[in-house]
Amino acid sequence: MSWAVEEWKEGLSPRVLQKIHELESQVDKLKKERRQRQFQLESLEAALQKQKQKVENEKNEAATLKRENQSLTELCDSLEKAKQKISHDLQVKESQVNIQSGQLNSSKKDIERLEQELKR
């Protein structure tokens, strides 16, 4: 079939044939360059998509970490409040123990005094 494509060139001057040959070579060169650039474009688009996906994944991970951080902060606050309450309760109980200890000592002294009186 290439002979049919070449038929139209019959009878042309060598100078014109040379020019046609140069133009055909230039067209082939441009087609090859276009394919290379198309491949580069497709490669760059794929890399861009990959980077976009990576950014999206990083955003999702950052959001997850932020939520987890918030949750841990709330848990720490809750534990701190519980610690303060327990500390307060401990102080109250220690006061009660000290009061009861004082009452016990006072009662012991009263018992000793009463026992002394009974012995007399």
Protein backbone atom coordinates (compact mmCIF):
# COMPACT_ATOMS: atom_id res chain seq x y z
CA MET A 1 0.00 0.00 0.00
CA SER A 2 2.94 2.30 0.56
CA TRP A 3 3.45 2.36 -3.23
CA ALA A 4 -0.02 3.99 -3.56
CA VAL A 5 0.92 6.62 -1.00
CA GLU A 6 4.09 7.35 -2.96
CA GLU A 7 2.33 7.59 -6.36
CA TRP A 8 1.42 11.24 -5.91
CA LYS A 9 5.13 12.08 -5.76
CA GLU A 10 5.79 10.83 -9.30
CA GLY A 11 6.89 13.50 -11.67
CA LEU A 12 7.94 15.98 -9.00
CA SER A 13 11.29 17.69 -9.25
CA PRO A 14 14.17 16.43 -7.10
CA ARG A 15 14.18 19.71 -5.17
CA VAL A 16 10.48 19.31 -4.31
CA LEU A 17 11.01 15.63 -3.46
CA GLN A 18 13.88 16.64 -1.18
CA LYS A 19 11.63 19.22 0.52
CA ILE A 20 8.84 16.62 0.90
CA HIS A 21 11.32 14.17 2.39
CA GLU A 22 12.51 16.85 4.86
CA LEU A 23 8.92 17.67 5.79
CA GLU A 24 8.05 13.98 6.25
CA SER A 25 11.13 13.54 8.43
CA GLN A 26 10.13 16.58 10.43
CA VAL A 27 6.59 15.20 10.81
CA ASP A 28 7.97 11.86 12.01
CA LYS A 29 10.28 13.65 14.42
CA LEU A 30 7.39 15.78 15.74
CA LYS A 31 5.15 12.71 16.11
CA LYS A 32 7.88 10.97 18.10
CA GLU A 33 8.37 14.08 20.25
CA ARG A 34 4.61 14.33 20.77
CA ARG A 35 4.46 10.68 21.94
CA GLN A 36 7.34 11.31 24.34
CA ARG A 37 5.68 14.42 25.72
CA GLN A 38 2.36 12.61 25.99
CA PHE A 39 4.11 9.86 27.95
CA GLN A 40 5.76 12.48 30.17
CA LEU A 41 2.42 14.17 30.71
CA GLU A 42 0.76 10.89 31.65
CA SER A 43 3.65 10.08 34.00
CA LEU A 44 3.40 13.50 35.63
CA GLU A 45 -0.38 13.18 35.97
CA ALA A 46 0.06 9.79 37.63
CA ALA A 47 2.68 11.24 39.99
CA LEU A 48 0.36 14.16 40.75
CA GLN A 49 -2.50 11.80 41.56
CA LYS A 50 -0.19 9.79 43.77
CA GLN A 51 0.88 12.95 45.61
CA LYS A 52 -2.74 14.09 45.96
CA GLN A 53 -3.61 10.70 47.46
CA LYS A 54 -0.63 10.94 49.79
CA VAL A 55 -1.71 14.42 50.91
CA GLU A 56 -5.26 13.18 51.48
CA ASN A 57 -3.96 10.24 53.51
CA GLU A 58 -1.77 12.59 55.57
CA LYS A 59 -4.76 14.88 56.18
CA ASN A 60 -6.84 11.91 57.32
CA GLU A 61 -4.06 10.71 59.60
CA ALA A 62 -3.60 14.22 61.01
CA ALA A 63 -7.34 14.44 61.71
CA THR A 64 -7.28 11.03 63.39
CA LEU A 65 -4.31 12.03 65.52
CA LYS A 66 -6.00 15.30 66.42
CA ARG A 67 -9.13 13.45 67.56
CA GLU A 68 -7.02 10.96 69.50
CA ASN A 69 -5.07 13.82 71.10
CA GLN A 70 -8.32 15.53 72.10
CA SER A 71 -9.63 12.29 73.56
CA LEU A 72 -6.42 11.76 75.53
CA THR A 73 -6.50 15.36 76.78
CA GLU A 74 -10.07 14.87 78.00
CA LEU A 75 -9.06 11.59 79.65
CA CYS A 76 -6.12 13.31 81.39
CA ASP A 77 -8.40 16.08 82.62
CA SER A 78 -10.87 13.51 83.91
CA LEU A 79 -8.11 11.56 85.67
CA GLU A 80 -6.72 14.77 87.20
CA LYS A 81 -10.18 15.65 88.58
CA ALA A 82 -10.55 12.11 89.95
CA LYS A 83 -7.10 12.37 91.55
CA GLN A 84 -8.02 15.69 93.18
CA LYS A 85 -11.29 14.24 94.48
CA ILE A 86 -9.52 11.18 95.89
CA SER A 87 -6.86 13.40 97.45
CA HIS A 88 -9.55 15.54 99.06
CA ASP A 89 -11.43 12.46 100.27
CA LEU A 90 -8.17 11.12 101.75
CA GLN A 91 -7.56 14.38 103.61
CA VAL A 92 -11.12 14.29 104.98
CA LYS A 93 -10.69 10.69 106.12
CA GLU A 94 -7.31 11.46 107.69
CA SER A 95 -8.96 14.32 109.60
CA GLN A 96 -11.72 11.99 110.73
CA VAL A 97 -9.16 9.38 111.81
CA ASN A 98 -7.24 12.06 113.75
CA ILE A 99 -10.46 13.25 115.42
CA GLN A 100 -11.47 9.69 116.27
CA SER A 101 -7.95 8.96 117.50
CA GLY A 102 -8.18 11.99 119.77
CA GLN A 103 -11.59 10.85 120.98
CA LEU A 104 -10.18 7.36 121.59
CA ASN A 105 -7.29 8.78 123.65
CA SER A 106 -9.72 10.98 125.56
CA SER A 107 -12.00 7.98 126.19
CA LYS A 108 -9.02 5.90 127.36
CA LYS A 109 -8.08 8.61 129.81
CA ASP A 110 -11.67 8.80 131.01
CA ILE A 111 -11.73 5.00 131.42
CA GLU A 112 -8.44 5.06 133.33
CA ARG A 113 -9.72 7.88 135.53
CA LEU A 114 -12.97 5.99 136.15
CA GLU A 115 -11.06 2.79 136.89
CA GLN A 116 -8.92 4.72 139.39
CA GLU A 117 -12.04 6.06 141.00
CA LEU A 118 -13.54 2.60 141.18
CA LYS A 119 -10.43 1.24 142.85
CA ARG A 120 -10.68 3.90 145.55
